[in-house]
Protein backbone atom coordinates (compact mmCIF):
# COMPACT_ATOMS: atom_id res chain seq x y z
CA MET A 1 -10.59 -47.07 14.44
CA LYS A 2 -8.03 -44.14 15.36
CA ARG A 3 -5.88 -45.09 12.59
CA TYR A 4 -9.02 -45.00 10.11
CA LEU A 5 -9.92 -41.28 11.47
CA LEU A 6 -6.25 -40.21 10.66
CA GLN A 7 -6.41 -41.90 7.31
CA VAL A 8 -9.91 -39.74 6.28
CA VAL A 9 -8.43 -36.46 7.90
CA LEU A 10 -5.73 -36.72 6.05
CA ALA A 11 -7.14 -37.44 2.55
CA LEU A 12 -8.88 -34.75 3.06
CA LEU A 13 -6.51 -32.09 3.62
CA ALA A 14 -4.94 -33.52 0.72
CA PHE A 15 -7.76 -33.43 -1.00
CA SER A 16 -8.50 -29.43 -0.22
CA GLN A 17 -4.36 -28.89 -0.97
CA VAL A 18 -4.92 -30.51 -4.38
CA ASN A 19 -7.85 -28.65 -5.14
CA ALA A 20 -7.56 -25.09 -3.43
CA GLU A 21 -7.12 -21.94 -5.92
CA LYS A 22 -3.26 -21.00 -7.11
CA VAL A 23 -3.39 -16.93 -6.24
CA THR A 24 -0.12 -15.07 -6.58
CA LEU A 25 -0.49 -11.66 -4.25
CA ALA A 26 2.01 -8.90 -4.78
CA LEU A 27 2.30 -6.97 -1.11
CA ALA A 28 4.96 -4.46 0.06
CA ARG A 29 6.68 -5.33 3.81
CA ASN A 30 4.65 -2.67 4.58
CA PRO A 31 1.67 -2.04 7.54
CA TRP A 32 -0.28 -0.74 5.04
CA CYS A 33 -0.65 -4.47 3.38
CA GLY A 34 -1.17 -5.16 6.98
CA LEU A 35 -4.37 -7.20 6.45
CA GLY A 36 -2.48 -9.85 3.71
CA HIS A 37 0.40 -10.00 6.06
CA VAL A 38 -2.27 -11.11 9.45
CA ALA A 39 -4.03 -12.78 6.67
CA GLU A 40 -1.12 -14.89 5.46
CA ALA A 41 0.30 -15.72 8.96
CA LYS A 42 -2.90 -16.55 10.97
CA GLY A 43 -3.67 -19.18 7.70
CA PHE A 44 -6.72 -17.44 6.71
CA PHE A 45 -5.95 -17.81 3.38
CA LYS A 46 -5.84 -21.67 3.64
CA GLU A 47 -8.86 -21.61 6.06
CA GLU A 48 -10.77 -20.48 2.79
CA GLY A 49 -9.43 -22.58 0.06
CA LEU A 50 -6.72 -20.86 -1.28
CA ASP A 51 -3.14 -21.69 -2.36
CA VAL A 52 -1.73 -18.19 -2.13
CA GLU A 53 2.01 -17.47 -3.51
CA ILE A 54 2.98 -14.10 -2.23
CA GLN A 55 5.64 -12.29 -3.73
CA TYR A 56 7.36 -9.01 -1.36
CA LEU A 57 8.27 -5.91 -3.27
CA GLN A 58 8.89 -2.05 -2.80
CA SER A 59 5.35 -0.44 -2.84
CA GLY A 60 1.67 -0.18 -4.91
CA ARG A 61 3.50 0.90 -7.47
CA HIS A 62 5.61 -2.28 -8.02
CA ALA A 63 2.42 -4.48 -7.18
CA LEU A 64 0.63 -2.68 -9.86
CA ASP A 65 3.40 -3.32 -12.27
CA SER A 66 3.38 -6.75 -11.40
CA VAL A 67 -0.22 -7.04 -12.02
CA LEU A 68 -0.56 -5.75 -15.31
CA ALA A 69 3.15 -7.97 -16.50
CA GLY A 70 1.08 -10.73 -15.31
CA SER A 71 3.58 -11.55 -12.42
CA ALA A 72 0.30 -11.34 -9.84
CA GLN A 73 -3.07 -11.84 -9.93
CA VAL A 74 -3.28 -9.44 -7.67
CA GLY A 75 -1.59 -6.69 -5.62
CA PHE A 76 -2.42 -4.26 -2.65
CA ILE A 77 -2.13 -0.65 -4.68
CA GLY A 78 -2.83 2.68 -3.36
CA ASP A 79 -4.79 5.48 -4.98
CA PRO A 80 -1.86 7.36 -6.84
CA PRO A 81 -0.90 4.50 -9.19
CA MET A 82 -4.27 3.61 -9.33
CA ALA A 83 -4.76 7.41 -10.62
CA PHE A 84 -1.83 7.06 -13.03
CA ILE A 85 -2.60 4.29 -14.75
CA GLY A 86 -6.16 5.17 -15.92
CA TYR A 87 -3.48 7.94 -17.87
CA THR A 88 -2.56 5.08 -19.77
CA GLY A 89 -5.75 4.34 -21.01
CA LYS A 90 -5.45 0.64 -19.32
CA LYS A 91 -9.01 -1.13 -18.60
CA ASN A 92 -7.90 -4.64 -17.21
CA LEU A 93 -7.34 -4.23 -13.64
CA LEU A 94 -10.34 -4.16 -10.98
CA VAL A 95 -10.74 -3.13 -7.58
CA LEU A 96 -12.28 -5.54 -5.40
CA ASP A 97 -11.72 -3.91 -1.69
CA VAL A 98 -10.75 -1.15 0.36
CA THR A 99 -8.03 -2.89 2.92
CA VAL A 100 -6.50 0.18 4.91
CA LEU A 101 -6.83 4.10 5.12
CA SER A 102 -3.12 5.44 5.91
CA ARG A 103 -2.45 8.72 7.20
CA ALA A 104 1.16 7.39 7.87
CA CYS A 105 3.00 9.50 4.67
CA ALA A 106 5.85 11.94 6.88
CA ILE A 107 8.77 14.10 5.39
CA VAL A 108 12.24 12.80 6.95
CA ALA A 109 15.11 15.39 7.23
CA ARG A 110 18.23 15.63 8.48
CA ARG A 111 18.86 18.57 11.34
CA SER A 112 21.97 18.58 10.05
CA ALA A 113 21.28 20.10 6.25
CA GLY A 114 19.51 23.29 8.98
CA ILE A 115 15.95 21.82 9.04
CA ARG A 116 14.14 22.45 11.78
CA ILE A 117 10.76 23.92 10.79
CA PRO A 118 8.20 23.40 7.49
CA ALA A 119 9.65 26.41 5.87
CA ASP A 120 13.33 25.21 6.65
CA LEU A 121 12.57 22.73 3.36
CA ARG A 122 12.73 25.35 1.17
CA GLY A 123 15.80 25.63 -1.04
CA LYS A 124 16.59 22.17 -0.09
CA ARG A 125 17.13 18.64 -1.92
CA ILE A 126 13.95 16.41 -1.18
CA ALA A 127 13.78 12.45 -2.37
CA TYR A 128 10.21 11.26 -3.04
CA SER A 129 9.15 8.11 -5.16
CA SER A 130 7.54 8.56 -8.01
CA GLY A 131 3.66 7.76 -9.09
CA THR A 132 3.77 6.65 -4.84
CA ALA A 133 1.89 8.19 -2.03
CA SER A 134 4.95 10.03 -1.14
CA ALA A 135 4.85 12.22 -4.28
CA PHE A 136 1.35 13.39 -3.50
CA PHE A 137 2.51 13.77 0.37
CA VAL A 138 5.36 15.97 -0.52
CA TYR A 139 3.02 18.31 -2.70
CA LYS A 140 0.47 19.10 -0.87
CA TYR A 141 2.21 19.56 2.10
CA LEU A 142 4.90 22.24 0.81
CA ALA A 143 1.47 24.03 -1.11
CA LYS A 144 -0.06 23.75 3.10
CA HIS A 145 3.21 25.97 4.04
CA GLY A 146 3.16 27.63 1.00
CA ILE A 147 6.07 26.79 -0.84
CA LYS A 148 6.11 26.07 -4.04
CA PRO A 149 8.00 22.96 -6.19
CA THR A 150 10.02 25.03 -8.25
CA GLU A 151 11.64 26.37 -4.82
CA VAL A 152 12.76 23.18 -3.58
CA VAL A 153 15.24 20.52 -5.91
CA LEU A 154 12.77 17.37 -6.37
CA THR A 155 14.65 14.06 -6.97
CA GLY A 156 13.10 10.82 -7.81
CA VAL A 157 14.06 7.14 -5.59
CA GLN A 158 12.99 4.26 -5.05
CA PRO A 159 11.42 3.44 -1.97
CA MET A 160 14.00 1.10 -0.92
CA ALA A 161 16.90 3.58 -1.43
CA ILE A 162 15.48 6.44 0.93
CA ALA A 163 17.44 6.29 3.98
CA THR A 164 20.56 6.00 2.14
CA SER A 165 19.44 9.01 -0.03
CA VAL A 166 19.02 11.06 3.11
CA VAL A 167 21.89 9.35 5.44
CA ALA A 168 24.14 9.94 3.02
CA GLY A 169 23.73 13.46 2.23
CA GLY A 170 22.44 12.95 -1.55
CA VAL A 171 19.18 14.65 -0.54
CA ASP A 172 18.63 16.78 2.57
CA ALA A 173 14.81 15.05 3.52
CA ALA A 174 12.45 13.15 1.97
CA SER A 175 9.20 12.02 1.49
CA SER A 176 7.67 8.07 2.65
CA TRP A 177 5.88 6.08 4.85
CA ASP A 178 5.67 4.61 7.51
CA VAL A 179 8.39 1.81 7.17
CA TYR A 180 10.46 3.71 5.12
CA ILE A 181 10.22 6.47 7.74
CA SER A 182 11.18 4.35 10.88
CA THR A 183 14.14 2.98 8.77
CA THR A 184 15.52 6.28 8.16
CA VAL A 185 15.11 8.14 11.25
CA ARG A 186 16.94 4.98 13.24
CA ARG A 187 19.58 5.62 10.76
CA LEU A 188 19.66 9.03 11.42
CA GLY A 189 19.53 8.68 15.18
CA LYS A 190 19.61 12.55 16.67
CA ASP A 191 19.57 13.73 13.49
CA ALA A 192 16.08 13.04 12.02
CA ILE A 193 13.42 15.66 12.11
CA VAL A 194 10.20 14.28 10.90
CA PHE A 195 7.36 16.09 9.75
CA HIS A 196 3.62 14.53 10.00
CA ASP A 197 0.69 16.33 8.95
CA SER A 198 -2.18 13.71 8.98
CA SER A 199 -4.75 16.10 7.74
CA VAL A 200 -2.70 16.40 4.93
CA TYR A 201 -3.38 13.30 2.57
CA THR A 202 -4.79 9.90 3.40
CA ALA A 203 -3.85 6.78 1.07
CA TYR A 204 -6.56 4.10 0.24
CA VAL A 205 -5.19 0.87 -0.36
CA MET A 206 -6.65 -1.88 -2.11
CA ASP A 207 -6.15 -5.60 -3.73
CA VAL A 208 -6.60 -5.01 -6.99
CA ALA A 209 -6.87 -7.61 -9.53
CA ASP A 210 -6.26 -8.85 -13.18
CA ARG A 211 -9.63 -7.78 -14.90
CA SER A 212 -9.77 -10.80 -16.74
CA TRP A 213 -8.37 -13.37 -13.85
CA ALA A 214 -10.89 -11.81 -11.56
CA LYS A 215 -14.03 -12.87 -14.30
CA SER A 216 -12.64 -16.14 -14.21
CA HIS A 217 -12.39 -16.79 -10.65
CA PRO A 218 -15.47 -15.78 -8.67
CA ARG A 219 -14.64 -18.16 -6.23
CA ALA A 220 -11.27 -17.43 -5.40
CA VAL A 221 -12.37 -13.39 -5.40
CA ALA A 222 -14.44 -14.27 -2.91
CA ALA A 223 -12.77 -16.07 -1.37
CA LEU A 224 -9.79 -13.86 -0.56
CA HIS A 225 -12.31 -11.25 0.50
CA ARG A 226 -13.26 -13.31 3.50
CA ALA A 227 -9.93 -14.34 4.09
CA LEU A 228 -8.97 -10.52 3.96
CA ALA A 229 -12.36 -9.85 6.37
CA LYS A 230 -11.46 -12.61 8.56
CA ALA A 231 -7.96 -10.22 8.66
CA SER A 232 -9.75 -7.01 9.52
CA GLU A 233 -11.90 -8.73 11.93
CA PHE A 234 -8.64 -10.25 13.76
CA VAL A 235 -6.70 -7.24 14.03
CA ALA A 236 -9.97 -5.08 15.66
CA LYS A 237 -10.31 -7.47 18.63
CA ASN A 238 -6.21 -8.27 18.49
CA PRO A 239 -4.37 -5.27 18.38
CA ARG A 240 -1.41 -6.66 20.28
CA GLU A 241 -0.94 -9.61 18.28
CA ALA A 242 -1.50 -7.82 14.64
CA LYS A 243 1.30 -5.16 15.71
CA GLN A 244 3.59 -8.19 16.40
CA ILE A 245 2.97 -9.75 13.01
CA MET A 246 3.30 -6.34 10.77
CA ALA A 247 6.28 -5.34 12.87
CA GLN A 248 7.62 -9.38 11.87
CA TYR A 249 6.84 -8.74 8.18
CA CYS A 250 7.68 -4.92 7.86
CA ALA A 251 10.63 -5.62 9.89
CA MET A 252 9.57 -2.69 11.82
CA ASP A 253 10.58 -2.21 15.65
CA ALA A 254 7.89 -2.16 17.82
CA GLU A 255 8.09 1.29 19.09
CA SER A 256 7.83 3.08 15.22
CA MET A 257 4.83 0.36 14.58
CA GLU A 258 3.01 1.63 18.10
CA ASP A 259 3.49 5.33 16.58
CA ASN A 260 2.33 4.59 13.42
CA TRP A 261 -0.93 2.02 14.14
CA PRO A 262 -3.33 5.35 15.29
CA LEU A 263 -2.89 6.37 11.66
CA LEU A 264 -3.97 3.30 10.39
CA ASP A 265 -7.45 1.72 9.68
CA PHE A 266 -7.46 -2.08 8.49
CA THR A 267 -11.43 -1.82 8.19
CA LEU A 268 -11.87 -3.68 4.92
CA ARG A 269 -14.53 -1.30 3.46
CA ALA A 270 -16.63 -1.60 -0.52
CA PRO A 271 -14.25 -1.01 -3.20
CA GLU A 272 -16.50 2.16 -4.03
CA GLN A 273 -15.28 4.07 -1.79
CA ALA A 274 -12.04 4.56 -2.99
CA LEU A 275 -13.28 6.07 -6.40
CA ASN A 276 -13.65 9.17 -5.00
CA GLN A 277 -10.41 9.58 -4.14
CA ILE A 278 -8.83 8.11 -6.69
CA ALA A 279 -10.80 10.74 -9.11
CA GLN A 280 -9.84 13.64 -6.94
CA ASP A 281 -5.97 12.31 -7.48
CA GLY A 282 -6.85 12.75 -10.99
CA GLU A 283 -8.09 15.68 -10.99
CA TRP A 284 -4.93 16.50 -9.18
CA ILE A 285 -2.67 14.90 -12.00
CA HIS A 286 -4.05 16.99 -14.39
CA ASN A 287 -4.13 20.51 -13.03
CA GLU A 288 -0.52 20.10 -11.09
CA LEU A 289 1.74 18.03 -13.21
CA GLU A 290 3.51 18.79 -16.62
CA GLY A 291 2.56 16.56 -19.40
CA TYR A 292 -0.99 15.49 -18.49
CA ARG A 293 -2.63 19.16 -18.50
CA SER A 294 -3.73 18.45 -22.43
CA LYS A 295 -5.04 14.89 -21.19
CA PRO A 296 -8.69 14.11 -19.87
CA VAL A 297 -9.52 13.43 -16.68
CA PRO A 298 -9.96 9.40 -17.16
CA ASP A 299 -13.26 8.38 -15.56
CA TYR A 300 -12.06 5.68 -12.96
CA SER A 301 -15.39 4.21 -12.53
CA MET A 302 -13.45 1.43 -15.19
CA TYR A 303 -12.11 0.17 -12.17
CA PHE A 304 -15.28 -0.48 -10.61
CA ASP A 305 -17.85 -2.28 -13.07
CA ALA A 306 -17.63 -5.36 -11.80
CA PRO A 307 -18.10 -6.42 -7.89
CA HIS A 308 -17.30 -9.75 -6.88
CA GLU A 309 -19.39 -12.27 -5.69
CA LYS A 310 -18.89 -12.02 -1.93
CA ASP A 311 -21.41 -14.86 -0.94
CA LYS A 312 -20.44 -17.61 -2.88
């Protein structure tokens, strides 16, 4: 009898694996993608009938590129890349959920470059990653402290090159987010100084799908939502283990994760809650960046017009 029951269980498992919906998910090794990391680590994707392949990329902007290229069906993407993509006229994207609110952007600098207070950034070379939250943060942080973009030297750098750029002296400071800030601080040691201001900018991170795929795979979209909802609930109830999971996936030390934790809100939210933020980003791009002032601000509601069917 036991042998028969075992055969039945194995057969059911095999059937579920064969019928699992395949999804390629683009994530960064970053706490901002924490619900994806937790859902993978705790098996929530599999529980909801998904066969998830994860692409680990540098940032949400790279995840967006992967979705647009058809390499991934879904990516975890912040509001800045969504704001910029609106100006291209590309419409085949659909925001499914808001997966985290983050206030973890900062500027890390070298004390040896003569930087002690925000005003010391004037005249300095500052790296940032174009099209990402780090770009929005550096412009807004400088503006808050009365420093014009023309009074610094802004240099576009890929996220994974941020630490090396600062440590090697190619730049004096860099704007980035938690995982790359912590890496830079670790490498600089006592020479590091960090400027953080949670009032300057709050990033909205969303799981964003290829629209055509989402419309043709409603069950997979609903299953993804349920898996992320489980992850959100797990984080709320088990913060200690959640921190450990994210630290492992993001290669962050426990102290850095602990420091950044209060700046992260992993409550799963309706997609429409990101619309206002993306629209504000679009207005800022139009008003502040050359090359965009002659272009109309996009109607970003085009990315929110087909809510997924969560209850199926």
